[in-house]
Amino acid sequence: MALIRNFPVPSDRMAIISTLLNIEDAVVLEYGPEGTTHFSMNFFNKLGQDYPDRLFTTGVDDSDIIMGSTEHLERGILELDALYSPKAIFVLTSSVTSIIGTDIAGICDSLQSKVQSRLIPVNTSGLGADYSAGLRKIYLQLAELFVQPDAAKQKGRYNILGASPLHYRAESDICEITRLLREGFGCELLHCLAMNMTTEALAELSSAELNIVLTAEAVPSAEYLQSVTGTPYVYLPPYGYSQTKEFLNSVAAVIGQPVKEAMLQRLEEKNAD
């Protein structure tokens, strides 16, 4: 059937924008039609992502598309830098500007010396790739762009990777993992990729002694962090009593520290109930 009767799976573009909106000292500038960004903002607002002054658009007209003019984009970058002084400006293509092959990387390079913000191009068309692909791409890209490989490790600290604000039960999962690792090992959360982040926090991801991976989309970023910083990771979400115990034992094996007996005893008592 040619007609699409239901809402489609969210695109990679939606995943990337949703993730980048959680970086508190950065802004997102989309080079595309005003209506595209307008509907994106409405969508995110309805899902509880209401971040004023973080998502912007340049707007495009027929001349921009036909002639390939990027004047609006260049002016938009300069204005955002002057008005908000963000640590980073993520410059995104929309579907239409991606199709015509706008060189946003070249534009960012040419303007970098004229602004204080770090300019970061992100190509995303929203065509042909789904939400999961977008998460894999942006988690890995953020790690590659910001992580400092030589940062000193912080004893007993860990990161959670793959907690997207649009994932079901993300906040609940974070709270549960935080409780388990505090009671089981005395470890404390350092940062959570990618919720309530800053560019400084992204740079500090390498300071953790362990990465806890919540979703498959975050595995490439965890593998990258392990390769460049030596930080091991555990990918075994603690769902259910038996898997929670397995999760704790996996963490214990990686960090070389046994699970506290009181924690294991509480699990056994709840499982018996």
Protein backbone atom coordinates (compact mmCIF):
# COMPACT_ATOMS: atom_id res chain seq x y z
CA MET A 1 0.00 0.00 0.00
CA ALA A 2 1.41 3.38 -0.98
CA LEU A 3 -0.40 5.43 1.65
CA ILE A 4 1.08 5.87 5.12
CA ARG A 5 -1.83 5.73 7.54
CA ASN A 6 0.03 5.93 10.85
CA PHE A 7 2.86 8.01 12.26
CA PRO A 8 6.24 6.80 10.92
CA VAL A 9 9.16 5.76 13.07
CA PRO A 10 10.96 8.95 14.19
CA SER A 11 13.94 9.76 11.98
CA ASP A 12 17.63 10.06 12.78
CA ARG A 13 17.19 13.83 12.63
CA MET A 14 14.70 13.76 15.51
CA ALA A 15 17.06 11.66 17.63
CA ILE A 16 19.99 13.97 16.98
CA ILE A 17 18.10 17.18 17.75
CA SER A 18 16.53 15.68 20.88
CA THR A 19 19.96 14.64 22.17
CA LEU A 20 21.70 17.92 21.38
CA LEU A 21 18.97 19.93 23.14
CA ASN A 22 20.18 18.38 26.40
CA ILE A 23 23.57 20.10 26.19
CA GLU A 24 22.84 23.10 28.35
CA ASP A 25 25.60 25.45 27.18
CA ALA A 26 25.14 24.75 23.45
CA VAL A 27 22.56 25.66 20.83
CA VAL A 28 21.26 23.93 17.71
CA LEU A 29 20.94 25.85 14.45
CA GLU A 30 19.03 24.12 11.67
CA TYR A 31 19.60 25.26 8.11
CA GLY A 32 16.16 24.65 6.74
CA PRO A 33 12.56 25.85 6.41
CA GLU A 34 10.97 27.61 9.38
CA GLY A 35 8.03 25.22 9.36
CA THR A 36 10.29 22.18 9.79
CA THR A 37 11.81 23.56 12.98
CA HIS A 38 8.44 24.82 14.20
CA PHE A 39 6.93 21.34 14.08
CA SER A 40 10.04 19.89 15.70
CA MET A 41 9.73 22.31 18.61
CA ASN A 42 6.04 21.46 19.07
CA PHE A 43 6.86 17.75 19.03
CA PHE A 44 9.58 18.05 21.65
CA ASN A 45 7.50 20.37 23.83
CA LYS A 46 4.65 17.85 23.92
CA LEU A 47 7.13 15.21 25.10
CA GLY A 48 8.42 17.42 27.91
CA GLN A 49 11.53 18.78 26.22
CA ASP A 50 10.90 22.50 26.64
CA TYR A 51 14.28 24.16 26.26
CA PRO A 52 13.96 27.84 25.33
CA ASP A 53 16.80 29.48 23.40
CA ARG A 54 18.40 26.20 22.32
CA LEU A 55 16.78 25.37 18.97
CA PHE A 56 16.93 27.87 16.11
CA THR A 57 16.42 27.95 12.36
CA THR A 58 17.82 30.15 9.62
CA GLY A 59 14.83 29.81 7.32
CA VAL A 60 15.37 29.26 3.60
CA ASP A 61 13.60 30.54 0.52
CA ASP A 62 13.43 29.54 -3.14
CA SER A 63 16.57 31.51 -3.96
CA ASP A 64 18.60 29.71 -1.29
CA ILE A 65 17.64 26.32 -2.70
CA ILE A 66 17.91 27.15 -6.40
CA MET A 67 21.06 29.28 -6.24
CA GLY A 68 22.72 27.51 -3.32
CA SER A 69 23.06 30.69 -1.29
CA THR A 70 24.16 30.21 2.33
CA GLU A 71 23.93 33.84 3.41
CA HIS A 72 21.12 33.13 5.88
CA LEU A 73 23.12 30.36 7.50
CA GLU A 74 26.26 32.46 7.85
CA ARG A 75 24.33 35.38 9.31
CA GLY A 76 22.51 33.03 11.69
CA ILE A 77 25.77 31.63 13.06
CA LEU A 78 27.18 35.11 13.67
CA GLU A 79 23.97 36.29 15.35
CA LEU A 80 23.74 33.30 17.68
CA ASP A 81 27.34 33.73 18.75
CA ALA A 82 26.81 37.43 19.47
CA LEU A 83 23.44 37.07 21.24
CA TYR A 84 23.94 33.95 23.37
CA SER A 85 27.70 33.22 23.50
CA PRO A 86 27.18 29.45 23.67
CA LYS A 87 30.11 27.11 24.15
CA ALA A 88 29.13 25.30 20.96
CA ILE A 89 26.80 25.81 18.01
CA PHE A 90 25.67 22.58 16.36
CA VAL A 91 24.87 23.37 12.73
CA LEU A 92 22.42 20.90 11.21
CA THR A 93 21.11 20.41 7.72
CA SER A 94 17.42 19.81 7.16
CA SER A 95 16.04 17.37 4.61
CA VAL A 96 16.01 19.90 1.77
CA THR A 97 19.45 21.45 2.41
CA SER A 98 20.94 18.01 2.87
CA ILE A 99 19.60 16.87 -0.50
CA ILE A 100 21.13 19.83 -2.36
CA GLY A 101 24.47 19.10 -0.71
CA THR A 102 25.03 22.23 1.39
CA ASP A 103 28.62 22.22 2.63
CA ILE A 104 27.98 23.06 6.27
CA ALA A 105 31.40 21.71 7.30
CA GLY A 106 33.11 24.19 4.95
CA ILE A 107 30.94 27.04 6.20
CA CYS A 108 31.75 26.22 9.82
CA ASP A 109 35.46 26.12 9.00
CA SER A 110 35.34 29.48 7.23
CA LEU A 111 33.48 31.19 10.11
CA GLN A 112 35.25 29.59 13.07
CA SER A 113 37.83 32.36 13.39
CA LYS A 114 35.05 34.97 13.48
CA VAL A 115 33.15 33.57 16.46
CA GLN A 116 33.87 32.53 20.05
CA SER A 117 31.59 29.50 19.97
CA ARG A 118 32.84 26.16 18.72
CA LEU A 119 31.10 25.41 15.43
CA ILE A 120 30.16 21.76 14.90
CA PRO A 121 28.54 20.58 11.65
CA VAL A 122 26.10 17.65 11.84
CA ASN A 123 24.72 16.26 8.60
CA THR A 124 21.30 14.73 8.99
CA SER A 125 18.61 14.53 6.34
CA GLY A 126 15.89 12.71 8.24
CA LEU A 127 15.49 10.50 5.18
CA GLY A 128 16.23 6.79 5.15
CA ALA A 129 17.56 6.44 8.70
CA ASP A 130 15.58 5.88 11.87
CA TYR A 131 15.72 7.13 15.44
CA SER A 132 18.09 4.38 16.61
CA ALA A 133 20.60 5.20 13.86
CA GLY A 134 20.52 8.84 14.86
CA LEU A 135 21.23 8.02 18.50
CA ARG A 136 24.17 5.78 17.58
CA LYS A 137 25.59 8.52 15.39
CA ILE A 138 25.26 11.40 17.83
CA TYR A 139 26.40 9.49 20.95
CA LEU A 140 29.56 8.47 19.14
CA GLN A 141 30.11 11.88 17.58
CA LEU A 142 29.82 13.65 20.94
CA ALA A 143 32.38 11.29 22.46
CA GLU A 144 34.77 11.79 19.55
CA LEU A 145 34.40 15.58 19.61
CA PHE A 146 34.66 16.36 23.31
CA VAL A 147 36.24 13.56 25.35
CA GLN A 148 39.74 14.24 26.68
CA PRO A 149 41.58 10.90 26.57
CA ASP A 150 44.25 11.86 29.12
CA ALA A 151 41.90 13.01 31.90
CA ALA A 152 42.64 11.62 35.37
CA LYS A 153 40.29 8.90 36.62
CA GLN A 154 37.98 9.68 39.55
CA LYS A 155 37.86 6.86 42.07
CA GLY A 156 34.49 5.17 42.38
CA ARG A 157 32.78 7.24 39.66
CA TYR A 158 30.92 5.94 36.63
CA ASN A 159 28.97 7.23 33.63
CA ILE A 160 25.62 6.09 32.30
CA LEU A 161 25.54 5.99 28.50
CA GLY A 162 22.40 5.84 26.38
CA ALA A 163 19.81 7.57 28.57
CA SER A 164 17.88 9.59 26.02
CA PRO A 165 15.12 11.86 27.36
CA LEU A 166 12.67 10.26 24.91
CA HIS A 167 13.45 6.72 26.02
CA TYR A 168 10.72 5.04 28.02
CA ARG A 169 11.54 5.01 31.77
CA ALA A 170 14.89 6.79 31.29
CA GLU A 171 14.67 8.76 34.55
CA SER A 172 13.52 5.70 36.46
CA ASP A 173 16.37 3.58 35.04
CA ILE A 174 18.93 6.21 36.01
CA CYS A 175 17.59 6.35 39.57
CA GLU A 176 17.65 2.56 39.87
CA ILE A 177 21.20 2.17 38.58
CA THR A 178 22.35 5.01 40.84
CA ARG A 179 20.81 3.24 43.84
CA LEU A 180 22.21 -0.18 42.93
CA LEU A 181 25.78 1.02 42.46
CA ARG A 182 25.70 3.19 45.58
CA GLU A 183 24.37 0.41 47.79
CA GLY A 184 26.29 -2.36 46.07
CA PHE A 185 29.71 -0.76 45.76
CA GLY A 186 29.66 2.77 47.18
CA CYS A 187 30.10 4.18 43.66
CA GLU A 188 28.59 7.49 42.53
CA LEU A 189 27.36 8.73 39.16
CA LEU A 190 29.65 11.14 37.31
CA HIS A 191 27.74 12.00 34.11
CA CYS A 192 24.85 10.69 32.05
CA LEU A 193 25.06 10.75 28.26
CA ALA A 194 22.94 12.42 27.16
CA MET A 195 20.75 14.06 29.78
CA ASN A 196 21.40 17.41 31.45
CA MET A 197 24.88 17.63 29.96
CA THR A 198 27.32 20.48 29.33
CA THR A 199 30.32 20.61 27.02
CA GLU A 200 32.54 20.42 30.11
CA ALA A 201 30.72 17.30 31.28
CA LEU A 202 31.19 15.72 27.86
CA ALA A 203 34.93 16.33 28.17
CA GLU A 204 34.90 14.69 31.61
CA LEU A 205 33.34 11.42 30.44
CA SER A 206 36.82 9.94 30.30
CA SER A 207 37.29 10.56 34.06
CA ALA A 208 34.98 7.69 35.03
CA GLU A 209 36.34 4.30 36.02
CA LEU A 210 33.38 2.50 34.46
CA ASN A 211 30.66 3.09 31.87
CA ILE A 212 27.20 1.60 32.31
CA VAL A 213 25.45 1.18 28.95
CA LEU A 214 21.65 1.28 28.98
CA THR A 215 20.86 0.80 25.30
CA ALA A 216 22.35 -0.77 22.19
CA GLU A 217 22.62 2.65 20.56
CA ALA A 218 25.27 3.68 23.10
CA VAL A 219 27.52 0.63 22.60
CA PRO A 220 29.65 2.28 19.82
CA SER A 221 30.37 5.26 22.06
CA ALA A 222 31.26 2.93 24.95
CA GLU A 223 33.62 1.00 22.68
CA TYR A 224 35.21 4.24 21.55
CA LEU A 225 35.71 5.40 25.15
CA GLN A 226 37.24 2.05 26.03
CA SER A 227 39.66 2.25 23.10
CA VAL A 228 40.87 5.82 23.72
CA THR A 229 40.57 6.15 27.51
CA GLY A 230 40.79 2.53 28.71
CA THR A 231 37.43 2.79 30.51
CA PRO A 232 35.62 -0.58 30.53
CA TYR A 233 31.88 -0.84 30.16
CA VAL A 234 29.02 -3.11 31.20
CA TYR A 235 26.01 -3.54 28.93
CA LEU A 236 23.42 -5.50 30.89
CA PRO A 237 20.41 -3.39 31.93
CA PRO A 238 19.22 -4.55 35.38
CA TYR A 239 15.65 -5.60 34.57
CA GLY A 240 14.25 -8.28 36.89
CA TYR A 241 15.83 -9.82 39.99
CA SER A 242 17.98 -12.42 38.28
CA GLN A 243 19.34 -9.97 35.70
CA THR A 244 19.91 -7.35 38.40
CA LYS A 245 22.07 -9.82 40.28
CA GLU A 246 23.89 -10.67 37.07
CA PHE A 247 24.37 -6.95 36.40
CA LEU A 248 25.92 -6.42 39.84
CA ASN A 249 28.22 -9.41 39.43
CA SER A 250 29.31 -8.11 36.02
CA VAL A 251 30.18 -4.73 37.54
CA ALA A 252 32.04 -6.47 40.36
CA ALA A 253 34.11 -8.47 37.87
CA VAL A 254 35.05 -5.33 35.92
CA ILE A 255 35.99 -3.11 38.87
CA GLY A 256 37.53 -5.90 40.96
CA GLN A 257 35.32 -5.23 43.97
CA PRO A 258 32.73 -7.63 45.42
CA VAL A 259 29.09 -6.67 45.74
CA LYS A 260 28.24 -5.72 49.31
CA GLU A 261 26.58 -8.66 51.03
CA ALA A 262 23.72 -6.54 52.37
CA MET A 263 22.79 -5.59 48.79
CA LEU A 264 22.70 -9.22 47.66
CA GLN A 265 20.68 -10.23 50.70
CA ARG A 266 18.04 -7.58 50.00
CA LEU A 267 17.76 -8.82 46.42
CA GLU A 268 17.27 -12.40 47.60
CA GLU A 269 14.59 -11.34 50.09
CA LYS A 270 12.65 -9.41 47.42
CA ASN A 271 12.98 -12.28 44.98
CA ALA A 272 11.58 -14.67 47.60
CA ASP A 273 8.56 -12.42 48.14
